[in-house]
Amino acid sequence: MTKRLLRAGLTALALAALMAPAAPRLARADAQQQANFAVWHMMAACAQLAAKQYPDHTPEGNAKREASRQECLRRNHLPVTPLSVAH
Protein backbone atom coordinates (compact mmCIF):
# COMPACT_ATOMS: atom_id res chain seq x y z
CA MET A 1 0.00 0.00 0.00
CA THR A 2 2.81 2.43 0.88
CA LYS A 3 4.60 1.70 -2.40
CA ARG A 4 1.39 2.38 -4.30
CA LEU A 5 0.97 5.79 -2.59
CA LEU A 6 4.62 6.63 -3.18
CA ARG A 7 4.32 5.69 -6.86
CA ALA A 8 1.12 7.75 -7.22
CA GLY A 9 2.80 10.73 -5.55
CA LEU A 10 5.85 10.50 -7.79
CA THR A 11 3.63 10.23 -10.87
CA ALA A 12 1.68 13.34 -9.83
CA LEU A 13 4.94 15.20 -9.15
CA ALA A 14 6.32 14.21 -12.55
CA LEU A 15 3.14 15.37 -14.30
CA ALA A 16 3.25 18.68 -12.44
CA ALA A 17 6.88 19.18 -13.47
CA LEU A 18 6.01 18.48 -17.09
CA MET A 19 3.01 20.83 -17.08
CA ALA A 20 4.77 23.77 -15.38
CA PRO A 21 6.38 25.13 -18.60
CA ALA A 22 3.01 24.96 -20.37
CA ALA A 23 1.22 27.08 -17.74
CA PRO A 24 1.92 30.51 -19.37
CA ARG A 25 0.66 29.25 -22.72
CA LEU A 26 -2.52 27.98 -21.09
CA ALA A 27 -3.06 31.31 -19.35
CA ARG A 28 -2.63 33.16 -22.65
CA ALA A 29 -5.17 30.91 -24.31
CA ASP A 30 -7.65 31.70 -21.55
CA ALA A 31 -7.16 35.46 -21.98
CA GLN A 32 -7.52 35.09 -25.74
CA GLN A 33 -10.68 33.05 -25.33
CA GLN A 34 -12.12 35.65 -22.98
CA ALA A 35 -11.42 38.40 -25.50
CA ASN A 36 -13.10 36.36 -28.24
CA PHE A 37 -16.12 35.68 -26.03
CA ALA A 38 -16.43 39.41 -25.33
CA VAL A 39 -16.40 40.17 -29.07
CA TRP A 40 -18.95 37.45 -29.81
CA HIS A 41 -21.16 38.71 -26.99
CA MET A 42 -21.09 42.26 -28.35
CA MET A 43 -21.85 40.98 -31.86
CA ALA A 44 -24.86 39.09 -30.49
CA ALA A 45 -25.98 42.19 -28.60
CA CYS A 46 -25.87 44.18 -31.86
CA ALA A 47 -28.00 41.54 -33.57
CA GLN A 48 -30.52 41.56 -30.71
CA LEU A 49 -30.72 45.35 -30.71
CA ALA A 50 -31.32 45.41 -34.46
CA ALA A 51 -34.00 42.73 -34.15
CA LYS A 52 -35.71 44.76 -31.43
CA GLN A 53 -35.61 47.91 -33.57
CA TYR A 54 -36.89 46.20 -36.73
CA PRO A 55 -38.94 43.15 -35.73
CA ASP A 56 -40.85 42.72 -38.99
CA HIS A 57 -39.62 40.11 -41.44
CA THR A 58 -40.44 41.88 -44.66
CA PRO A 59 -37.69 42.50 -47.23
CA GLU A 60 -37.58 46.15 -46.14
CA GLY A 61 -37.44 45.22 -42.44
CA ASN A 62 -34.70 42.67 -43.12
CA ALA A 63 -32.64 45.27 -44.96
CA LYS A 64 -33.09 47.86 -42.20
CA ARG A 65 -32.28 45.28 -39.51
CA GLU A 66 -29.09 44.24 -41.32
CA ALA A 67 -28.04 47.87 -41.82
CA SER A 68 -28.68 48.56 -38.12
CA ARG A 69 -26.67 45.49 -37.09
CA GLN A 70 -23.72 46.48 -39.27
CA GLU A 71 -23.82 50.07 -38.00
CA CYS A 72 -23.74 48.81 -34.40
CA LEU A 73 -20.75 46.63 -35.25
CA ARG A 74 -18.94 49.60 -36.78
CA ARG A 75 -19.73 51.83 -33.77
CA ASN A 76 -18.24 49.22 -31.45
CA HIS A 77 -15.18 48.62 -33.67
CA LEU A 78 -16.15 45.00 -34.29
CA PRO A 79 -15.67 43.00 -37.50
CA VAL A 80 -18.49 43.72 -39.92
CA THR A 81 -19.55 40.51 -41.60
CA PRO A 82 -22.60 40.24 -43.83
CA LEU A 83 -25.13 37.60 -42.89
CA SER A 84 -25.22 34.70 -45.31
CA VAL A 85 -28.30 34.65 -47.50
CA ALA A 86 -30.01 31.28 -47.95
CA HIS A 87 -31.07 30.65 -51.53
PDB file of N, CA and C in Angstrom:
ATOM      1  N   MET A   1       0.826  -1.189   0.000  1.00  0.00           N
ATOM      2  CA  MET A   1       0.000   0.000   0.000  1.00  0.00           C
ATOM      3  C   MET A   1       0.871   1.254   0.000  1.00  0.00           C
ATOM      4  N   THR A   2       1.926   1.275   0.794  1.00  0.00           N
ATOM      5  CA  THR A   2       2.806   2.427   0.878  1.00  0.00           C
ATOM      6  C   THR A   2       3.526   2.648  -0.445  1.00  0.00           C
ATOM      7  N   LYS A   3       3.934   1.556  -1.102  1.00  0.00           N
ATOM      8  CA  LYS A   3       4.604   1.696  -2.395  1.00  0.00           C
ATOM      9  C   LYS A   3       3.649   2.271  -3.434  1.00  0.00           C
ATOM     10  N   ARG A   4       2.384   1.865  -3.349  1.00  0.00           N
ATOM     11  CA  ARG A   4       1.388   2.380  -4.299  1.00  0.00           C
ATOM     12  C   ARG A   4       1.202   3.885  -4.110  1.00  0.00           C
ATOM     13  N   LEU A   5       1.106   4.356  -2.864  1.00  0.00           N
ATOM     14  CA  LEU A   5       0.967   5.785  -2.592  1.00  0.00           C
ATOM     15  C   LEU A   5       2.210   6.556  -3.030  1.00  0.00           C
ATOM     16  N   LEU A   6       3.379   5.984  -2.765  1.00  0.00           N
ATOM     17  CA  LEU A   6       4.619   6.628  -3.176  1.00  0.00           C
ATOM     18  C   LEU A   6       4.684   6.746  -4.695  1.00  0.00           C
ATOM     19  N   ARG A   7       4.310   5.683  -5.395  1.00  0.00           N
ATOM     20  CA  ARG A   7       4.322   5.687  -6.856  1.00  0.00           C
ATOM     21  C   ARG A   7       3.314   6.712  -7.403  1.00  0.00           C
ATOM     22  N   ALA A   8       2.130   6.776  -6.790  1.00  0.00           N
ATOM     23  CA  ALA A   8       1.121   7.745  -7.224  1.00  0.00           C
ATOM     24  C   ALA A   8       1.611   9.176  -6.992  1.00  0.00           C
ATOM     25  N   GLY A   9       2.266   9.398  -5.852  1.00  0.00           N
ATOM     26  CA  GLY A   9       2.799  10.732  -5.548  1.00  0.00           C
ATOM     27  C   GLY A   9       3.891  11.134  -6.514  1.00  0.00           C
ATOM     28  N   LEU A  10       4.775  10.194  -6.834  1.00  0.00           N
ATOM     29  CA  LEU A  10       5.847  10.495  -7.785  1.00  0.00           C
ATOM     30  C   LEU A  10       5.291  10.752  -9.182  1.00  0.00           C
ATOM     31  N   THR A  11       4.264  10.012  -9.560  1.00  0.00           N
ATOM     32  CA  THR A  11       3.635  10.235 -10.868  1.00  0.00           C
ATOM     33  C   THR A  11       3.003  11.617 -10.928  1.00  0.00           C
ATOM     34  N   ALA A  12       2.304  12.004  -9.867  1.00  0.00           N
ATOM     35  CA  ALA A  12       1.684  13.336  -9.825  1.00  0.00           C
ATOM     36  C   ALA A  12       2.748  14.424  -9.863  1.00  0.00           C
ATOM     37  N   LEU A  13       3.846  14.221  -9.157  1.00  0.00           N
ATOM     38  CA  LEU A  13       4.936  15.204  -9.154  1.00  0.00           C
ATOM     39  C   LEU A  13       5.564  15.322 -10.539  1.00  0.00           C
ATOM     40  N   ALA A  14       5.744  14.196 -11.208  1.00  0.00           N
ATOM     41  CA  ALA A  14       6.318  14.210 -12.549  1.00  0.00           C
ATOM     42  C   ALA A  14       5.392  14.933 -13.529  1.00  0.00           C
ATOM     43  N   LEU A  15       4.095  14.676 -13.422  1.00  0.00           N
ATOM     44  CA  LEU A  15       3.140  15.370 -14.296  1.00  0.00           C
ATOM     45  C   LEU A  15       3.138  16.869 -14.035  1.00  0.00           C
ATOM     46  N   ALA A  16       3.207  17.253 -12.775  1.00  0.00           N
ATOM     47  CA  ALA A  16       3.246  18.678 -12.440  1.00  0.00           C
ATOM     48  C   ALA A  16       4.502  19.335 -13.002  1.00  0.00           C
ATOM     49  N   ALA A  17       5.626  18.634 -12.933  1.00  0.00           N
ATOM     50  CA  ALA A  17       6.877  19.176 -13.467  1.00  0.00           C
ATOM     51  C   ALA A  17       6.816  19.314 -14.981  1.00  0.00           C
ATOM     52  N   LEU A  18       6.131  18.397 -15.634  1.00  0.00           N
ATOM     53  CA  LEU A  18       6.006  18.478 -17.085  1.00  0.00           C
ATOM     54  C   LEU A  18       5.043  19.580 -17.516  1.00  0.00           C
ATOM     55  N   MET A  19       4.012  19.836 -16.719  1.00  0.00           N
ATOM     56  CA  MET A  19       3.006  20.828 -17.082  1.00  0.00           C
ATOM     57  C   MET A  19       3.417  22.257 -16.725  1.00  0.00           C
ATOM     58  N   ALA A  20       4.377  22.438 -15.829  1.00  0.00           N
ATOM     59  CA  ALA A  20       4.772  23.773 -15.385  1.00  0.00           C
ATOM     60  C   ALA A  20       5.193  24.682 -16.542  1.00  0.00           C
ATOM     61  N   PRO A  21       6.011  24.231 -17.498  1.00  0.00           N
ATOM     62  CA  PRO A  21       6.376  25.126 -18.597  1.00  0.00           C
ATOM     63  C   PRO A  21       5.194  25.499 -19.493  1.00  0.00           C
ATOM     64  N   ALA A  22       4.160  24.689 -19.516  1.00  0.00           N
ATOM     65  CA  ALA A  22       3.010  24.961 -20.373  1.00  0.00           C
ATOM     66  C   ALA A  22       2.034  25.938 -19.733  1.00  0.00           C
ATOM     67  N   ALA A  23       2.175  26.231 -18.451  1.00  0.00           N
ATOM     68  CA  ALA A  23       1.220  27.084 -17.744  1.00  0.00           C
ATOM     69  C   ALA A  23       1.066  28.468 -18.371  1.00  0.00           C
ATOM     70  N   PRO A  24       2.131  29.197 -18.752  1.00  0.00           N
ATOM     71  CA  PRO A  24       1.925  30.515 -19.370  1.00  0.00           C
ATOM     72  C   PRO A  24       1.149  30.431 -20.682  1.00  0.00           C
ATOM     73  N   ARG A  25       1.396  29.394 -21.472  1.00  0.00           N
ATOM     74  CA  ARG A  25       0.657  29.251 -22.722  1.00  0.00           C
ATOM     75  C   ARG A  25      -0.817  28.995 -22.456  1.00  0.00           C
ATOM     76  N   LEU A  26      -1.128  28.235 -21.425  1.00  0.00           N
ATOM     77  CA  LEU A  26      -2.521  27.980 -21.086  1.00  0.00           C
ATOM     78  C   LEU A  26      -3.199  29.256 -20.603  1.00  0.00           C
ATOM     79  N   ALA A  27      -2.499  30.058 -19.838  1.00  0.00           N
ATOM     80  CA  ALA A  27      -3.064  31.311 -19.347  1.00  0.00           C
ATOM     81  C   ALA A  27      -3.322  32.263 -20.501  1.00  0.00           C
ATOM     82  N   ARG A  28      -2.427  32.308 -21.478  1.00  0.00           N
ATOM     83  CA  ARG A  28      -2.627  33.160 -22.649  1.00  0.00           C
ATOM     84  C   ARG A  28      -3.843  32.718 -23.428  1.00  0.00           C
ATOM     85  N   ALA A  29      -4.015  31.419 -23.567  1.00  0.00           N
ATOM     86  CA  ALA A  29      -5.170  30.913 -24.305  1.00  0.00           C
ATOM     87  C   ALA A  29      -6.449  31.320 -23.600  1.00  0.00           C
ATOM     88  N   ASP A  30      -6.461  31.304 -22.285  1.00  0.00           N
ATOM     89  CA  ASP A  30      -7.650  31.704 -21.552  1.00  0.00           C
ATOM     90  C   ASP A  30      -7.965  33.183 -21.778  1.00  0.00           C
ATOM     91  N   ALA A  31      -6.947  34.029 -21.753  1.00  0.00           N
ATOM     92  CA  ALA A  31      -7.162  35.458 -21.979  1.00  0.00           C
ATOM     93  C   ALA A  31      -7.654  35.698 -23.401  1.00  0.00           C
ATOM     94  N   GLN A  32      -7.094  34.960 -24.344  1.00  0.00           N
ATOM     95  CA  GLN A  32      -7.516  35.088 -25.738  1.00  0.00           C
ATOM     96  C   GLN A  32      -8.957  34.626 -25.907  1.00  0.00           C
ATOM     97  N   GLN A  33      -9.315  33.543 -25.264  1.00  0.00           N
ATOM     98  CA  GLN A  33     -10.680  33.055 -25.332  1.00  0.00           C
ATOM     99  C   GLN A  33     -11.637  34.058 -24.717  1.00  0.00           C
ATOM    100  N   GLN A  34     -11.246  34.655 -23.610  1.00  0.00           N
ATOM    101  CA  GLN A  34     -12.118  35.647 -22.977  1.00  0.00           C
ATOM    102  C   GLN A  34     -12.320  36.854 -23.881  1.00  0.00           C
ATOM    103  N   ALA A  35     -11.282  37.277 -24.571  1.00  0.00           N
ATOM    104  CA  ALA A  35     -11.416  38.397 -25.504  1.00  0.00           C
ATOM    105  C   ALA A  35     -12.354  38.027 -26.654  1.00  0.00           C
ATOM    106  N   ASN A  36     -12.215  36.803 -27.168  1.00  0.00           N
ATOM    107  CA  ASN A  36     -13.100  36.360 -28.240  1.00  0.00           C
ATOM    108  C   ASN A  36     -14.543  36.275 -27.769  1.00  0.00           C
ATOM    109  N   PHE A  37     -14.761  35.768 -26.561  1.00  0.00           N
ATOM    110  CA  PHE A  37     -16.116  35.676 -26.032  1.00  0.00           C
ATOM    111  C   PHE A  37     -16.732  37.061 -25.884  1.00  0.00           C
ATOM    112  N   ALA A  38     -15.929  38.039 -25.473  1.00  0.00           N
ATOM    113  CA  ALA A  38     -16.434  39.410 -25.329  1.00  0.00           C
ATOM    114  C   ALA A  38     -16.853  39.969 -26.687  1.00  0.00           C
ATOM    115  N   VAL A  39     -16.055  39.705 -27.718  1.00  0.00           N
ATOM    116  CA  VAL A  39     -16.396  40.170 -29.070  1.00  0.00           C
ATOM    117  C   VAL A  39     -17.669  39.489 -29.551  1.00  0.00           C
ATOM    118  N   TRP A  40     -17.759  38.179 -29.366  1.00  0.00           N
ATOM    119  CA  TRP A  40     -18.954  37.455 -29.811  1.00  0.00           C
ATOM    120  C   TRP A  40     -20.197  37.926 -29.062  1.00  0.00           C
ATOM    121  N   HIS A  41     -20.039  38.222 -27.777  1.00  0.00           N
ATOM    122  CA  HIS A  41     -21.164  38.713 -26.985  1.00  0.00           C
ATOM    123  C   HIS A  41     -21.645  40.065 -27.515  1.00  0.00           C
ATOM    124  N   MET A  42     -20.706  40.945 -27.823  1.00  0.00           N
ATOM    125  CA  MET A  42     -21.087  42.264 -28.354  1.00  0.00           C
ATOM    126  C   MET A  42     -21.735  42.127 -29.732  1.00  0.00           C
ATOM    127  N   MET A  43     -21.247  41.198 -30.549  1.00  0.00           N
ATOM    128  CA  MET A  43     -21.855  40.985 -31.860  1.00  0.00           C
ATOM    129  C   MET A  43     -23.287  40.473 -31.703  1.00  0.00           C
ATOM    130  N   ALA A  44     -23.507  39.596 -30.749  1.00  0.00           N
ATOM    131  CA  ALA A  44     -24.860  39.087 -30.486  1.00  0.00           C
ATOM    132  C   ALA A  44     -25.758  40.200 -29.963  1.00  0.00           C
ATOM    133  N   ALA A  45     -25.202  41.071 -29.123  1.00  0.00           N
ATOM    134  CA  ALA A  45     -25.979  42.193 -28.603  1.00  0.00           C
ATOM    135  C   ALA A  45     -26.393  43.130 -29.730  1.00  0.00           C
ATOM    136  N   CYS A  46     -25.511  43.350 -30.704  1.00  0.00           N
ATOM    137  CA  CYS A  46     -25.867  44.182 -31.858  1.00  0.00           C
ATOM    138  C   CYS A  46     -27.002  43.544 -32.656  1.00  0.00           C
ATOM    139  N   ALA A  47     -26.950  42.234 -32.835  1.00  0.00           N
ATOM    140  CA  ALA A  47     -28.002  41.541 -33.573  1.00  0.00           C
ATOM    141  C   ALA A  47     -29.332  41.617 -32.824  1.00  0.00           C
ATOM    142  N   GLN A  48     -29.293  41.479 -31.498  1.00  0.00           N
ATOM    143  CA  GLN A  48     -30.520  41.560 -30.711  1.00  0.00           C
ATOM    144  C   GLN A  48     -31.105  42.961 -30.742  1.00  0.00           C
ATOM    145  N   LEU A  49     -30.255  43.971 -30.662  1.00  0.00           N
ATOM    146  CA  LEU A  49     -30.722  45.354 -30.714  1.00  0.00           C
ATOM    147  C   LEU A  49     -31.373  45.644 -32.064  1.00  0.00           C
ATOM    148  N   ALA A  50     -30.753  45.194 -33.127  1.00  0.00           N
ATOM    149  CA  ALA A  50     -31.319  45.413 -34.460  1.00  0.00           C
ATOM    150  C   ALA A  50     -32.650  44.683 -34.618  1.00  0.00           C
ATOM    151  N   ALA A  51     -32.744  43.478 -34.071  1.00  0.00           N
ATOM    152  CA  ALA A  51     -34.001  42.729 -34.152  1.00  0.00           C
ATOM    153  C   ALA A  51     -35.098  43.412 -33.349  1.00  0.00           C
ATOM    154  N   LYS A  52     -34.727  44.042 -32.244  1.00  0.00           N
ATOM    155  CA  LYS A  52     -35.711  44.757 -31.430  1.00  0.00           C
ATOM    156  C   LYS A  52     -36.181  46.027 -32.148  1.00  0.00           C
ATOM    157  N   GLN A  53     -35.258  46.689 -32.850  1.00  0.00           N
ATOM    158  CA  GLN A  53     -35.608  47.912 -33.569  1.00  0.00           C
ATOM    159  C   GLN A  53     -36.467  47.626 -34.793  1.00  0.00           C
ATOM    160  N   TYR A  54     -36.187  46.544 -35.495  1.00  0.00           N
ATOM    161  CA  TYR A  54     -36.889  46.200 -36.733  1.00  0.00           C
ATOM    162  C   TYR A  54     -37.374  44.748 -36.653  1.00  0.00           C
ATOM    163  N   PRO A  55     -38.483  44.519 -35.943  1.00  0.00           N
ATOM    164  CA  PRO A  55     -38.936  43.145 -35.727  1.00  0.00           C
ATOM    165  C   PRO A  55     -39.651  42.506 -36.915  1.00  0.00           C
ATOM    166  N   ASP A  56     -40.101  43.311 -37.878  1.00  0.00           N
ATOM    167  CA  ASP A  56     -40.854  42.724 -38.993  1.00  0.00           C
ATOM    168  C   ASP A  56     -39.914  42.004 -39.961  1.00  0.00           C
ATOM    169  N   HIS A  57     -40.431  40.943 -40.561  1.00  0.00           N
ATOM    170  CA  HIS A  57     -39.616  40.109 -41.443  1.00  0.00           C
ATOM    171  C   HIS A  57     -39.992  40.302 -42.903  1.00  0.00           C
ATOM    172  N   THR A  58     -40.225  41.546 -43.262  1.00  0.00           N
ATOM    173  CA  THR A  58     -40.442  41.879 -44.661  1.00  0.00           C
ATOM    174  C   THR A  58     -39.083  42.155 -45.287  1.00  0.00           C
ATOM    175  N   PRO A  59     -38.993  42.171 -46.614  1.00  0.00           N
ATOM    176  CA  PRO A  59     -37.692  42.497 -47.231  1.00  0.00           C
ATOM    177  C   PRO A  59     -37.148  43.853 -46.762  1.00  0.00           C
ATOM    178  N   GLU A  60     -38.038  44.835 -46.606  1.00  0.00           N
ATOM    179  CA  GLU A  60     -37.583  46.154 -46.139  1.00  0.00           C
ATOM    180  C   GLU A  60     -37.095  46.078 -44.698  1.00  0.00           C
ATOM    181  N   GLY A  61     -37.835  45.366 -43.847  1.00  0.00           N
ATOM    182  CA  GLY A  61     -37.438  45.216 -42.445  1.00  0.00           C
ATOM    183  C   GLY A  61     -36.123  44.465 -42.313  1.00  0.00           C
ATOM    184  N   ASN A  62     -35.958  43.438 -43.141  1.00  0.00           N
ATOM    185  CA  ASN A  62     -34.703  42.673 -43.117  1.00  0.00           C
ATOM    186  C   ASN A  62     -33.520  43.558 -43.502  1.00  0.00           C
ATOM    187  N   ALA A  63     -33.717  44.391 -44.524  1.00  0.00           N
ATOM    188  CA  ALA A  63     -32.636  45.273 -44.963  1.00  0.00           C
ATOM    189  C   ALA A  63     -32.303  46.306 -43.886  1.00  0.00           C
ATOM    190  N   LYS A  64     -33.323  46.881 -43.262  1.00  0.00           N
ATOM    191  CA  LYS A  64     -33.095  47.860 -42.203  1.00  0.00           C
ATOM    192  C   LYS A  64     -32.426  47.206 -40.991  1.00  0.00           C
ATOM    193  N   ARG A  65     -32.863  45.999 -40.645  1.00  0.00           N
ATOM    194  CA  ARG A  65     -32.285  45.282 -39.509  1.00  0.00           C
ATOM    195  C   ARG A  65     -30.804  44.988 -39.762  1.00  0.00           C
ATOM    196  N   GLU A  66     -30.484  44.537 -40.979  1.00  0.00           N
ATOM    197  CA  GLU A  66     -29.091  44.237 -41.318  1.00  0.00           C
ATOM    198  C   GLU A  66     -28.237  45.505 -41.308  1.00  0.00           C
ATOM    199  N   ALA A  67     -28.779  46.605 -41.829  1.00  0.00           N
ATOM    200  CA  ALA A  67     -28.040  47.875 -41.819  1.00  0.00           C
ATOM    201  C   ALA A  67     -27.808  48.346 -40.380  1.00  0.00           C
ATOM    202  N   SER A  68     -28.811  48.174 -39.523  1.00  0.00           N
ATOM    203  CA  SER A  68     -28.678  48.563 -38.122  1.00  0.00           C
ATOM    204  C   SER A  68     -27.643  47.697 -37.418  1.00  0.00           C
ATOM    205  N   ARG A  69     -27.642  46.401 -37.698  1.00  0.00           N
ATOM    206  CA  ARG A  69     -26.669  45.488 -37.092  1.00  0.00           C
ATOM    207  C   ARG A  69     -25.251  45.863 -37.506  1.00  0.00           C
ATOM    208  N   GLN A  70     -25.049  46.124 -38.786  1.00  0.00           N
ATOM    209  CA  GLN A  70     -23.719  46.485 -39.268  1.00  0.00           C
ATOM    210  C   GLN A  70     -23.262  47.823 -38.703  1.00  0.00           C
ATOM    211  N   GLU A  71     -24.173  48.776 -38.576  1.00  0.00           N
ATOM    212  CA  GLU A  71     -23.818  50.074 -38.002  1.00  0.00           C
ATOM    213  C   GLU A  71     -23.403  49.918 -36.534  1.00  0.00           C
ATOM    214  N   CYS A  72     -24.105  49.079 -35.791  1.00  0.00           N
ATOM    215  CA  CYS A  72     -23.745  48.812 -34.401  1.00  0.00           C
ATOM    216  C   CYS A  72     -22.358  48.180 -34.328  1.00  0.00           C
ATOM    217  N   LEU A  73     -22.074  47.249 -35.222  1.00  0.00           N
ATOM    218  CA  LEU A  73     -20.749  46.625 -35.246  1.00  0.00           C
ATOM    219  C   LEU A  73     -19.671  47.669 -35.521  1.00  0.00           C
ATOM    220  N   ARG A  74     -19.927  48.548 -36.460  1.00  0.00           N
ATOM    221  CA  ARG A  74     -18.944  49.601 -36.776  1.00  0.00           C
ATOM    222  C   ARG A  74     -18.728  50.533 -35.590  1.00  0.00           C
ATOM    223  N   ARG A  75     -19.832  50.930 -34.933  1.00  0.00           N
ATOM    224  CA  ARG A  75     -19.725  51.829 -33.774  1.00  0.00           C
ATOM    225  C   ARG A  75     -18.885  51.219 -32.659  1.00  0.00           C
ATOM    226  N   ASN A  76     -18.963  49.909 -32.515  1.00  0.00           N
ATOM    227  CA  ASN A  76     -18.244  49.221 -31.446  1.00  0.00           C
ATOM    228  C   ASN A  76     -16.898  48.663 -31.907  1.00  0.00           C
ATOM    229  N   HIS A  77     -16.471  49.050 -33.112  1.00  0.00           N
ATOM    230  CA  HIS A  77     -15.178  48.623 -33.668  1.00  0.00           C
ATOM    231  C   HIS A  77     -15.054  47.099 -33.708  1.00  0.00           C
ATOM    232  N   LEU A  78     -16.118  46.450 -34.165  1.00  0.00           N
ATOM    233  CA  LEU A  78     -16.153  45.001 -34.295  1.00  0.00           C
ATOM    234  C   LEU A  78     -16.098  44.632 -35.766  1.00  0.00           C
ATOM    235  N   PRO A  79     -15.702  43.415 -36.085  1.00  0.00           N
ATOM    236  CA  PRO A  79     -15.665  43.001 -37.496  1.00  0.00           C
ATOM    237  C   PRO A  79     -17.066  43.004 -38.098  1.00  0.00           C
ATOM    238  N   VAL A  80     -17.202  43.652 -39.230  1.00  0.00           N
ATOM    239  CA  VAL A  80     -18.487  43.717 -39.917  1.00  0.00           C
ATOM    240  C   VAL A  80     -18.526  42.593 -40.938  1.00  0.00           C
ATOM    241  N   THR A  81     -19.403  41.642 -40.689  1.00  0.00           N
ATOM    242  CA  THR A  81     -19.548  40.511 -41.600  1.00  0.00           C
ATOM    243  C   THR A  81     -20.990  40.442 -42.056  1.00  0.00           C
ATOM    244  N   PRO A  82     -21.218  40.358 -43.349  1.00  0.00           N
ATOM    245  CA  PRO A  82     -22.598  40.241 -43.831  1.00  0.00           C
ATOM    246  C   PRO A  82     -23.174  38.884 -43.456  1.00  0.00           C
ATOM    247  N   LEU A  83     -24.460  38.861 -43.152  1.00  0.00           N
ATOM    248  CA  LEU A  83     -25.130  37.600 -42.890  1.00  0.00           C
ATOM    249  C   LEU A  83     -25.230  36.821 -44.181  1.00  0.00           C
ATOM    250  N   SER A  84     -25.094  35.517 -44.099  1.00  0.00           N
ATOM    251  CA  SER A  84     -25.219  34.702 -45.313  1.00  0.00           C
ATOM    252  C   SER A  84     -26.692  34.645 -45.698  1.00  0.00           C
ATOM    253  N   VAL A  85     -26.938  34.685 -46.984  1.00  0.00           N
ATOM    254  CA  VAL A  85     -28.299  34.654 -47.503  1.00  0.00           C
ATOM    255  C   VAL A  85     -28.586  33.259 -48.015  1.00  0.00           C
ATOM    256  N   ALA A  86     -29.640  32.629 -47.501  1.00  0.00           N
ATOM    257  CA  ALA A  86     -30.009  31.277 -47.954  1.00  0.00           C
ATOM    258  C   ALA A  86     -30.787  31.395 -49.255  1.00  0.00           C
ATOM    259  N   HIS A  87     -30.378  30.639 -50.237  1.00  0.00           N
ATOM    260  CA  HIS A  87     -31.072  30.654 -51.534  1.00  0.00           C
ATOM    261  C   HIS A  87     -31.789  29.359 -51.736  1.00  0.00           C
TER     262      HIS A  87
END
